[in-house]
mmCIF file of all heavy atoms, coordinates in Angstrom:
data_MODEL
# 
_entry.id   MODEL 
# 
loop_
_atom_site.group_PDB 
_atom_site.id 
_atom_site.type_symbol 
_atom_site.label_atom_id 
_atom_site.label_alt_id 
_atom_site.label_comp_id 
_atom_site.label_asym_id 
_atom_site.label_entity_id 
_atom_site.label_seq_id 
_atom_site.pdbx_PDB_ins_code 
_atom_site.Cartn_x 
_atom_site.Cartn_y 
_atom_site.Cartn_z 
_atom_site.occupancy 
_atom_site.B_iso_or_equiv 
_atom_site.pdbx_formal_charge 
_atom_site.auth_seq_id 
_atom_site.auth_comp_id 
_atom_site.auth_asym_id 
_atom_site.auth_atom_id 
_atom_site.pdbx_PDB_model_num 
ATOM 1   N N   . ILE A 1 1  ? 5.446   2.128   -1.650  1.00 0.00 ? 1  ILE A N   1 
ATOM 2   C CA  . ILE A 1 1  ? 4.431   3.245   -1.475  1.00 0.00 ? 1  ILE A CA  1 
ATOM 3   C C   . ILE A 1 1  ? 4.829   4.426   -2.369  1.00 0.00 ? 1  ILE A C   1 
ATOM 4   O O   . ILE A 1 1  ? 5.974   4.846   -2.358  1.00 0.00 ? 1  ILE A O   1 
ATOM 5   C CB  . ILE A 1 1  ? 4.419   3.676   0.021   1.00 0.00 ? 1  ILE A CB  1 
ATOM 6   C CG1 . ILE A 1 1  ? 3.894   2.583   0.880   1.00 0.00 ? 1  ILE A CG1 1 
ATOM 7   C CG2 . ILE A 1 1  ? 3.574   4.961   0.203   1.00 0.00 ? 1  ILE A CG2 1 
ATOM 8   C CD1 . ILE A 1 1  ? 4.060   2.824   2.371   1.00 0.00 ? 1  ILE A CD1 1 
ATOM 9   N N   . VAL A 1 2  ? 3.845   4.865   -3.119  1.00 0.00 ? 2  VAL A N   1 
ATOM 10  C CA  . VAL A 1 2  ? 4.107   5.970   -4.030  1.00 0.00 ? 2  VAL A CA  1 
ATOM 11  C C   . VAL A 1 2  ? 3.238   7.195   -3.617  1.00 0.00 ? 2  VAL A C   1 
ATOM 12  O O   . VAL A 1 2  ? 3.513   8.333   -4.099  1.00 0.00 ? 2  VAL A O   1 
ATOM 13  C CB  . VAL A 1 2  ? 3.814   5.664   -5.523  1.00 0.00 ? 2  VAL A CB  1 
ATOM 14  C CG1 . VAL A 1 2  ? 4.871   4.642   -6.027  1.00 0.00 ? 2  VAL A CG1 1 
ATOM 15  C CG2 . VAL A 1 2  ? 2.476   5.149   -5.729  1.00 0.00 ? 2  VAL A CG2 1 
ATOM 16  N N   . ASP A 1 3  ? 2.247   6.951   -2.734  1.00 0.00 ? 3  ASP A N   1 
ATOM 17  C CA  . ASP A 1 3  ? 1.446   8.122   -2.173  1.00 0.00 ? 3  ASP A CA  1 
ATOM 18  C C   . ASP A 1 3  ? 1.081   7.735   -0.729  1.00 0.00 ? 3  ASP A C   1 
ATOM 19  O O   . ASP A 1 3  ? 0.286   6.836   -0.584  1.00 0.00 ? 3  ASP A O   1 
ATOM 20  C CB  . ASP A 1 3  ? 0.210   8.402   -3.010  1.00 0.00 ? 3  ASP A CB  1 
ATOM 21  C CG  . ASP A 1 3  ? -0.564  9.586   -2.578  1.00 0.00 ? 3  ASP A CG  1 
ATOM 22  O OD1 . ASP A 1 3  ? -0.384  10.067  -1.392  1.00 0.00 ? 3  ASP A OD1 1 
ATOM 23  O OD2 . ASP A 1 3  ? -1.448  10.047  -3.373  1.00 0.00 ? 3  ASP A OD2 1 
ATOM 24  N N   . ALA A 1 4  ? 1.701   8.399   0.226   1.00 0.00 ? 4  ALA A N   1 
ATOM 25  C CA  . ALA A 1 4  ? 1.458   8.050   1.623   1.00 0.00 ? 4  ALA A CA  1 
ATOM 26  C C   . ALA A 1 4  ? 0.119   8.638   2.172   1.00 0.00 ? 4  ALA A C   1 
ATOM 27  O O   . ALA A 1 4  ? -0.333  8.235   3.210   1.00 0.00 ? 4  ALA A O   1 
ATOM 28  C CB  . ALA A 1 4  ? 2.602   8.452   2.493   1.00 0.00 ? 4  ALA A CB  1 
ATOM 29  N N   . ASN A 1 5  ? -0.515  9.554   1.464   1.00 0.00 ? 5  ASN A N   1 
ATOM 30  C CA  . ASN A 1 5  ? -1.873  10.060  1.737   1.00 0.00 ? 5  ASN A CA  1 
ATOM 31  C C   . ASN A 1 5  ? -2.042  10.464  3.206   1.00 0.00 ? 5  ASN A C   1 
ATOM 32  O O   . ASN A 1 5  ? -2.975  10.001  3.842   1.00 0.00 ? 5  ASN A O   1 
ATOM 33  C CB  . ASN A 1 5  ? -2.875  9.009   1.322   1.00 0.00 ? 5  ASN A CB  1 
ATOM 34  C CG  . ASN A 1 5  ? -4.290  9.547   1.323   1.00 0.00 ? 5  ASN A CG  1 
ATOM 35  O OD1 . ASN A 1 5  ? -4.508  10.721  1.092   1.00 0.00 ? 5  ASN A OD1 1 
ATOM 36  N ND2 . ASN A 1 5  ? -5.237  8.630   1.498   1.00 0.00 ? 5  ASN A ND2 1 
ATOM 37  N N   . ASN A 1 6  ? -1.112  11.266  3.700   1.00 0.00 ? 6  ASN A N   1 
ATOM 38  C CA  . ASN A 1 6  ? -1.219  11.763  5.088   1.00 0.00 ? 6  ASN A CA  1 
ATOM 39  C C   . ASN A 1 6  ? -1.238  10.612  6.145   1.00 0.00 ? 6  ASN A C   1 
ATOM 40  O O   . ASN A 1 6  ? -1.751  10.844  7.262   1.00 0.00 ? 6  ASN A O   1 
ATOM 41  C CB  . ASN A 1 6  ? -2.462  12.660  5.276   1.00 0.00 ? 6  ASN A CB  1 
ATOM 42  C CG  . ASN A 1 6  ? -2.493  13.823  4.398   1.00 0.00 ? 6  ASN A CG  1 
ATOM 43  O OD1 . ASN A 1 6  ? -1.454  14.537  4.194   1.00 0.00 ? 6  ASN A OD1 1 
ATOM 44  N ND2 . ASN A 1 6  ? -3.593  14.085  3.721   1.00 0.00 ? 6  ASN A ND2 1 
ATOM 45  N N   . SER A 1 7  ? -0.630  9.546   5.860   1.00 0.00 ? 7  SER A N   1 
ATOM 46  C CA  . SER A 1 7  ? -0.531  8.465   6.821   1.00 0.00 ? 7  SER A CA  1 
ATOM 47  C C   . SER A 1 7  ? 0.822   8.625   7.576   1.00 0.00 ? 7  SER A C   1 
ATOM 48  O O   . SER A 1 7  ? 1.603   9.535   7.301   1.00 0.00 ? 7  SER A O   1 
ATOM 49  C CB  . SER A 1 7  ? -0.590  7.093   6.141   1.00 0.00 ? 7  SER A CB  1 
ATOM 50  O OG  . SER A 1 7  ? 0.634   6.903   5.335   1.00 0.00 ? 7  SER A OG  1 
ATOM 51  N N   . ASN A 1 8  ? 1.092   7.696   8.451   1.00 0.00 ? 8  ASN A N   1 
ATOM 52  C CA  . ASN A 1 8  ? 2.385   7.784   9.184   1.00 0.00 ? 8  ASN A CA  1 
ATOM 53  C C   . ASN A 1 8  ? 3.469   6.959   8.384   1.00 0.00 ? 8  ASN A C   1 
ATOM 54  O O   . ASN A 1 8  ? 4.573   6.814   8.923   1.00 0.00 ? 8  ASN A O   1 
ATOM 55  C CB  . ASN A 1 8  ? 2.313   7.134   10.573  1.00 0.00 ? 8  ASN A CB  1 
ATOM 56  C CG  . ASN A 1 8  ? 1.809   5.692   10.608  1.00 0.00 ? 8  ASN A CG  1 
ATOM 57  O OD1 . ASN A 1 8  ? 1.302   5.202   9.569   1.00 0.00 ? 8  ASN A OD1 1 
ATOM 58  N ND2 . ASN A 1 8  ? 1.928   5.056   11.737  1.00 0.00 ? 8  ASN A ND2 1 
ATOM 59  N N   . LEU A 1 9  ? 3.155   6.621   7.182   1.00 0.00 ? 9  LEU A N   1 
ATOM 60  C CA  . LEU A 1 9  ? 4.141   5.940   6.273   1.00 0.00 ? 9  LEU A CA  1 
ATOM 61  C C   . LEU A 1 9  ? 4.767   6.913   5.322   1.00 0.00 ? 9  LEU A C   1 
ATOM 62  O O   . LEU A 1 9  ? 4.339   8.078   5.260   1.00 0.00 ? 9  LEU A O   1 
ATOM 63  C CB  . LEU A 1 9  ? 3.374   4.796   5.489   1.00 0.00 ? 9  LEU A CB  1 
ATOM 64  C CG  . LEU A 1 9  ? 2.747   3.739   6.406   1.00 0.00 ? 9  LEU A CG  1 
ATOM 65  C CD1 . LEU A 1 9  ? 1.896   2.851   5.553   1.00 0.00 ? 9  LEU A CD1 1 
ATOM 66  C CD2 . LEU A 1 9  ? 3.890   2.878   7.065   1.00 0.00 ? 9  LEU A CD2 1 
ATOM 67  N N   . SER A 1 10 ? 5.787   6.479   4.609   1.00 0.00 ? 10 SER A N   1 
ATOM 68  C CA  . SER A 1 10 ? 6.526   7.399   3.683   1.00 0.00 ? 10 SER A CA  1 
ATOM 69  C C   . SER A 1 10 ? 6.590   6.906   2.297   1.00 0.00 ? 10 SER A C   1 
ATOM 70  O O   . SER A 1 10 ? 6.652   5.613   2.098   1.00 0.00 ? 10 SER A O   1 
ATOM 71  C CB  . SER A 1 10 ? 7.939   7.625   4.225   1.00 0.00 ? 10 SER A CB  1 
ATOM 72  O OG  . SER A 1 10 ? 7.916   8.088   5.597   1.00 0.00 ? 10 SER A OG  1 
ATOM 73  N N   . VAL A 1 11 ? 6.635   7.768   1.322   1.00 0.00 ? 11 VAL A N   1 
ATOM 74  C CA  . VAL A 1 11 ? 6.791   7.427   -0.042  1.00 0.00 ? 11 VAL A CA  1 
ATOM 75  C C   . VAL A 1 11 ? 8.184   6.708   -0.137  1.00 0.00 ? 11 VAL A C   1 
ATOM 76  O O   . VAL A 1 11 ? 9.134   7.079   0.496   1.00 0.00 ? 11 VAL A O   1 
ATOM 77  C CB  . VAL A 1 11 ? 6.766   8.680   -0.967  1.00 0.00 ? 11 VAL A CB  1 
ATOM 78  C CG1 . VAL A 1 11 ? 7.256   8.361   -2.374  1.00 0.00 ? 11 VAL A CG1 1 
ATOM 79  C CG2 . VAL A 1 11 ? 5.401   9.253   -0.997  1.00 0.00 ? 11 VAL A CG2 1 
ATOM 80  N N   . GLY A 1 12 ? 8.232   5.624   -0.885  1.00 0.00 ? 12 GLY A N   1 
ATOM 81  C CA  . GLY A 1 12 ? 9.443   4.839   -1.046  1.00 0.00 ? 12 GLY A CA  1 
ATOM 82  C C   . GLY A 1 12 ? 9.596   3.682   -0.102  1.00 0.00 ? 12 GLY A C   1 
ATOM 83  O O   . GLY A 1 12 ? 10.459  2.887   -0.348  1.00 0.00 ? 12 GLY A O   1 
ATOM 84  N N   . GLN A 1 13 ? 8.783   3.603   0.945   1.00 0.00 ? 13 GLN A N   1 
ATOM 85  C CA  . GLN A 1 13 ? 8.857   2.407   1.825   1.00 0.00 ? 13 GLN A CA  1 
ATOM 86  C C   . GLN A 1 13 ? 8.369   1.217   1.054   1.00 0.00 ? 13 GLN A C   1 
ATOM 87  O O   . GLN A 1 13 ? 7.381   1.222   0.327   1.00 0.00 ? 13 GLN A O   1 
ATOM 88  C CB  . GLN A 1 13 ? 7.984   2.669   3.070   1.00 0.00 ? 13 GLN A CB  1 
ATOM 89  C CG  . GLN A 1 13 ? 8.639   3.629   4.077   1.00 0.00 ? 13 GLN A CG  1 
ATOM 90  C CD  . GLN A 1 13 ? 7.839   3.713   5.333   1.00 0.00 ? 13 GLN A CD  1 
ATOM 91  O OE1 . GLN A 1 13 ? 6.674   4.080   5.273   1.00 0.00 ? 13 GLN A OE1 1 
ATOM 92  N NE2 . GLN A 1 13 ? 8.510   3.437   6.431   1.00 0.00 ? 13 GLN A NE2 1 
ATOM 93  N N   . ARG A 1 14 ? 9.083   0.069   1.333   1.00 0.00 ? 14 ARG A N   1 
ATOM 94  C CA  . ARG A 1 14 ? 8.752   -1.233  0.759   1.00 0.00 ? 14 ARG A CA  1 
ATOM 95  C C   . ARG A 1 14 ? 7.830   -1.900  1.724   1.00 0.00 ? 14 ARG A C   1 
ATOM 96  O O   . ARG A 1 14 ? 8.042   -2.006  2.942   1.00 0.00 ? 14 ARG A O   1 
ATOM 97  C CB  . ARG A 1 14 ? 10.057  -2.008  0.602   1.00 0.00 ? 14 ARG A CB  1 
ATOM 98  C CG  . ARG A 1 14 ? 11.040  -1.287  -0.424  1.00 0.00 ? 14 ARG A CG  1 
ATOM 99  C CD  . ARG A 1 14 ? 12.489  -1.674  -0.202  1.00 0.00 ? 14 ARG A CD  1 
ATOM 100 N NE  . ARG A 1 14 ? 12.714  -3.063  0.104   1.00 0.00 ? 14 ARG A NE  1 
ATOM 101 C CZ  . ARG A 1 14 ? 12.973  -3.996  -0.870  1.00 0.00 ? 14 ARG A CZ  1 
ATOM 102 N NH1 . ARG A 1 14 ? 13.073  -3.663  -2.103  1.00 0.00 ? 14 ARG A NH1 1 
ATOM 103 N NH2 . ARG A 1 14 ? 13.179  -5.202  -0.489  1.00 0.00 ? 14 ARG A NH2 1 
ATOM 104 N N   . VAL A 1 15 ? 6.745   -2.539  1.176   1.00 0.00 ? 15 VAL A N   1 
ATOM 105 C CA  . VAL A 1 15 ? 5.713   -3.192  1.939   1.00 0.00 ? 15 VAL A CA  1 
ATOM 106 C C   . VAL A 1 15 ? 5.233   -4.501  1.378   1.00 0.00 ? 15 VAL A C   1 
ATOM 107 O O   . VAL A 1 15 ? 5.338   -4.705  0.182   1.00 0.00 ? 15 VAL A O   1 
ATOM 108 C CB  . VAL A 1 15 ? 4.522   -2.193  2.184   1.00 0.00 ? 15 VAL A CB  1 
ATOM 109 C CG1 . VAL A 1 15 ? 4.954   -0.942  2.935   1.00 0.00 ? 15 VAL A CG1 1 
ATOM 110 C CG2 . VAL A 1 15 ? 3.931   -1.828  0.822   1.00 0.00 ? 15 VAL A CG2 1 
ATOM 111 N N   . ALA A 1 16 ? 4.675   -5.253  2.207   1.00 0.00 ? 16 ALA A N   1 
ATOM 112 C CA  . ALA A 1 16 ? 3.910   -6.467  1.860   1.00 0.00 ? 16 ALA A CA  1 
ATOM 113 C C   . ALA A 1 16 ? 2.475   -6.366  2.446   1.00 0.00 ? 16 ALA A C   1 
ATOM 114 O O   . ALA A 1 16 ? 2.255   -5.537  3.390   1.00 0.00 ? 16 ALA A O   1 
ATOM 115 C CB  . ALA A 1 16 ? 4.582   -7.719  2.422   1.00 0.00 ? 16 ALA A CB  1 
ATOM 116 N N   . TYR A 1 17 ? 1.548   -7.103  1.917   1.00 0.00 ? 17 TYR A N   1 
ATOM 117 C CA  . TYR A 1 17 ? 0.182   -6.885  2.211   1.00 0.00 ? 17 TYR A CA  1 
ATOM 118 C C   . TYR A 1 17 ? -0.628  -8.161  2.022   1.00 0.00 ? 17 TYR A C   1 
ATOM 119 O O   . TYR A 1 17 ? -0.475  -8.936  1.105   1.00 0.00 ? 17 TYR A O   1 
ATOM 120 C CB  . TYR A 1 17 ? -0.319  -5.826  1.344   1.00 0.00 ? 17 TYR A CB  1 
ATOM 121 C CG  . TYR A 1 17 ? -1.858  -5.496  1.376   1.00 0.00 ? 17 TYR A CG  1 
ATOM 122 C CD1 . TYR A 1 17 ? -2.347  -4.918  2.496   1.00 0.00 ? 17 TYR A CD1 1 
ATOM 123 C CD2 . TYR A 1 17 ? -2.661  -5.844  0.368   1.00 0.00 ? 17 TYR A CD2 1 
ATOM 124 C CE1 . TYR A 1 17 ? -3.730  -4.662  2.597   1.00 0.00 ? 17 TYR A CE1 1 
ATOM 125 C CE2 . TYR A 1 17 ? -4.049  -5.602  0.388   1.00 0.00 ? 17 TYR A CE2 1 
ATOM 126 C CZ  . TYR A 1 17 ? -4.566  -5.006  1.574   1.00 0.00 ? 17 TYR A CZ  1 
ATOM 127 O OH  . TYR A 1 17 ? -5.938  -4.762  1.674   1.00 0.00 ? 17 TYR A OH  1 
ATOM 128 N N   . LEU A 1 18 ? -1.544  -8.380  2.950   1.00 0.00 ? 18 LEU A N   1 
ATOM 129 C CA  . LEU A 1 18 ? -2.535  -9.455  2.876   1.00 0.00 ? 18 LEU A CA  1 
ATOM 130 C C   . LEU A 1 18 ? -3.916  -8.735  3.123   1.00 0.00 ? 18 LEU A C   1 
ATOM 131 O O   . LEU A 1 18 ? -4.113  -8.091  4.155   1.00 0.00 ? 18 LEU A O   1 
ATOM 132 C CB  . LEU A 1 18 ? -2.390  -10.497 3.904   1.00 0.00 ? 18 LEU A CB  1 
ATOM 133 C CG  . LEU A 1 18 ? -3.514  -11.525 4.147   1.00 0.00 ? 18 LEU A CG  1 
ATOM 134 C CD1 . LEU A 1 18 ? -3.711  -12.295 2.894   1.00 0.00 ? 18 LEU A CD1 1 
ATOM 135 C CD2 . LEU A 1 18 ? -3.290  -12.425 5.298   1.00 0.00 ? 18 LEU A CD2 1 
ATOM 136 N N   . GLY A 1 19 ? -4.775  -8.754  2.161   1.00 0.00 ? 19 GLY A N   1 
ATOM 137 C CA  . GLY A 1 19 ? -5.978  -8.052  2.264   1.00 0.00 ? 19 GLY A CA  1 
ATOM 138 C C   . GLY A 1 19 ? -7.210  -8.862  2.057   1.00 0.00 ? 19 GLY A C   1 
ATOM 139 O O   . GLY A 1 19 ? -7.135  -10.076 1.912   1.00 0.00 ? 19 GLY A O   1 
ATOM 140 N N   . PRO A 1 20 ? -8.357  -8.206  2.130   1.00 0.00 ? 20 PRO A N   1 
ATOM 141 C CA  . PRO A 1 20 ? -9.644  -8.923  1.866   1.00 0.00 ? 20 PRO A CA  1 
ATOM 142 C C   . PRO A 1 20 ? -9.869  -9.113  0.432   1.00 0.00 ? 20 PRO A C   1 
ATOM 143 O O   . PRO A 1 20 ? -9.142  -8.642  -0.469  1.00 0.00 ? 20 PRO A O   1 
ATOM 144 C CB  . PRO A 1 20 ? -10.658 -7.851  2.375   1.00 0.00 ? 20 PRO A CB  1 
ATOM 145 C CG  . PRO A 1 20 ? -10.022 -6.634  2.063   1.00 0.00 ? 20 PRO A CG  1 
ATOM 146 C CD  . PRO A 1 20 ? -8.550  -6.773  2.297   1.00 0.00 ? 20 PRO A CD  1 
ATOM 147 N N   . ILE A 1 21 ? -10.889 -9.890  0.104   1.00 0.00 ? 21 ILE A N   1 
ATOM 148 C CA  . ILE A 1 21 ? -11.323 -10.020 -1.304  1.00 0.00 ? 21 ILE A CA  1 
ATOM 149 C C   . ILE A 1 21 ? -11.528 -8.649  -1.808  1.00 0.00 ? 21 ILE A C   1 
ATOM 150 O O   . ILE A 1 21 ? -12.253 -7.879  -1.142  1.00 0.00 ? 21 ILE A O   1 
ATOM 151 C CB  . ILE A 1 21 ? -12.563 -10.928 -1.336  1.00 0.00 ? 21 ILE A CB  1 
ATOM 152 C CG1 . ILE A 1 21 ? -12.278 -12.346 -0.924  1.00 0.00 ? 21 ILE A CG1 1 
ATOM 153 C CG2 . ILE A 1 21 ? -13.133 -10.863 -2.785  1.00 0.00 ? 21 ILE A CG2 1 
ATOM 154 C CD1 . ILE A 1 21 ? -13.483 -13.200 -0.753  1.00 0.00 ? 21 ILE A CD1 1 
ATOM 155 N N   . GLY A 1 22 ? -11.019 -8.304  -2.944  1.00 0.00 ? 22 GLY A N   1 
ATOM 156 C CA  . GLY A 1 22 ? -11.156 -6.973  -3.474  1.00 0.00 ? 22 GLY A CA  1 
ATOM 157 C C   . GLY A 1 22 ? -9.938  -6.139  -3.236  1.00 0.00 ? 22 GLY A C   1 
ATOM 158 O O   . GLY A 1 22 ? -9.938  -4.907  -3.533  1.00 0.00 ? 22 GLY A O   1 
ATOM 159 N N   . ALA A 1 23 ? -8.838  -6.687  -2.804  1.00 0.00 ? 23 ALA A N   1 
ATOM 160 C CA  . ALA A 1 23 ? -7.616  -6.011  -2.614  1.00 0.00 ? 23 ALA A CA  1 
ATOM 161 C C   . ALA A 1 23 ? -7.017  -5.524  -3.883  1.00 0.00 ? 23 ALA A C   1 
ATOM 162 O O   . ALA A 1 23 ? -6.208  -4.576  -3.890  1.00 0.00 ? 23 ALA A O   1 
ATOM 163 C CB  . ALA A 1 23 ? -6.604  -6.819  -1.826  1.00 0.00 ? 23 ALA A CB  1 
ATOM 164 N N   . SER A 1 24 ? -7.415  -6.122  -4.945  1.00 0.00 ? 24 SER A N   1 
ATOM 165 C CA  . SER A 1 24 ? -7.045  -5.733  -6.298  1.00 0.00 ? 24 SER A CA  1 
ATOM 166 C C   . SER A 1 24 ? -5.484  -5.609  -6.537  1.00 0.00 ? 24 SER A C   1 
ATOM 167 O O   . SER A 1 24 ? -4.990  -4.632  -7.052  1.00 0.00 ? 24 SER A O   1 
ATOM 168 C CB  . SER A 1 24 ? -7.646  -4.380  -6.657  1.00 0.00 ? 24 SER A CB  1 
ATOM 169 O OG  . SER A 1 24 ? -9.082  -4.445  -6.569  1.00 0.00 ? 24 SER A OG  1 
ATOM 170 N N   . MET A 1 25 ? -4.783  -6.669  -6.257  1.00 0.00 ? 25 MET A N   1 
ATOM 171 C CA  . MET A 1 25 ? -3.275  -6.640  -6.344  1.00 0.00 ? 25 MET A CA  1 
ATOM 172 C C   . MET A 1 25 ? -2.889  -6.913  -7.822  1.00 0.00 ? 25 MET A C   1 
ATOM 173 O O   . MET A 1 25 ? -1.678  -6.658  -8.088  1.00 0.00 ? 25 MET A O   1 
ATOM 174 C CB  . MET A 1 25 ? -2.720  -7.670  -5.416  1.00 0.00 ? 25 MET A CB  1 
ATOM 175 C CG  . MET A 1 25 ? -2.917  -7.357  -3.957  1.00 0.00 ? 25 MET A CG  1 
ATOM 176 S SD  . MET A 1 25 ? -2.140  -5.796  -3.462  1.00 0.00 ? 25 MET A SD  1 
ATOM 177 C CE  . MET A 1 25 ? -0.419  -6.136  -3.740  1.00 0.00 ? 25 MET A CE  1 
ATOM 178 N N   . TYR A 1 26 ? -3.716  -7.428  -8.655  1.00 0.00 ? 26 TYR A N   1 
ATOM 179 C CA  . TYR A 1 26 ? -3.327  -7.696  -10.015 1.00 0.00 ? 26 TYR A CA  1 
ATOM 180 C C   . TYR A 1 26 ? -3.357  -6.458  -10.886 1.00 0.00 ? 26 TYR A C   1 
ATOM 181 O O   . TYR A 1 26 ? -3.985  -6.424  -11.987 1.00 0.00 ? 26 TYR A O   1 
ATOM 182 C CB  . TYR A 1 26 ? -4.164  -8.797  -10.670 1.00 0.00 ? 26 TYR A CB  1 
ATOM 183 C CG  . TYR A 1 26 ? -4.048  -10.213 -10.097 1.00 0.00 ? 26 TYR A CG  1 
ATOM 184 C CD1 . TYR A 1 26 ? -3.261  -10.467 -8.926  1.00 0.00 ? 26 TYR A CD1 1 
ATOM 185 C CD2 . TYR A 1 26 ? -4.654  -11.284 -10.657 1.00 0.00 ? 26 TYR A CD2 1 
ATOM 186 C CE1 . TYR A 1 26 ? -3.245  -11.711 -8.398  1.00 0.00 ? 26 TYR A CE1 1 
ATOM 187 C CE2 . TYR A 1 26 ? -4.605  -12.572 -10.149 1.00 0.00 ? 26 TYR A CE2 1 
ATOM 188 C CZ  . TYR A 1 26 ? -3.885  -12.767 -8.983  1.00 0.00 ? 26 TYR A CZ  1 
ATOM 189 O OH  . TYR A 1 26 ? -3.840  -13.982 -8.464  1.00 0.00 ? 26 TYR A OH  1 
ATOM 190 N N   . ALA A 1 27 ? -2.669  -5.441  -10.482 1.00 0.00 ? 27 ALA A N   1 
ATOM 191 C CA  . ALA A 1 27 ? -2.620  -4.192  -11.193 1.00 0.00 ? 27 ALA A CA  1 
ATOM 192 C C   . ALA A 1 27 ? -1.306  -3.508  -10.960 1.00 0.00 ? 27 ALA A C   1 
ATOM 193 O O   . ALA A 1 27 ? -0.574  -3.884  -10.029 1.00 0.00 ? 27 ALA A O   1 
ATOM 194 C CB  . ALA A 1 27 ? -3.859  -3.318  -10.692 1.00 0.00 ? 27 ALA A CB  1 
# 
């Protein structure tokens, strides 16, 4: 995470993700 955007998460946290079509991970 590089921008937590006022969420309960923090910059620097390591994460994994499964999203919908359009998650745009190839970037």
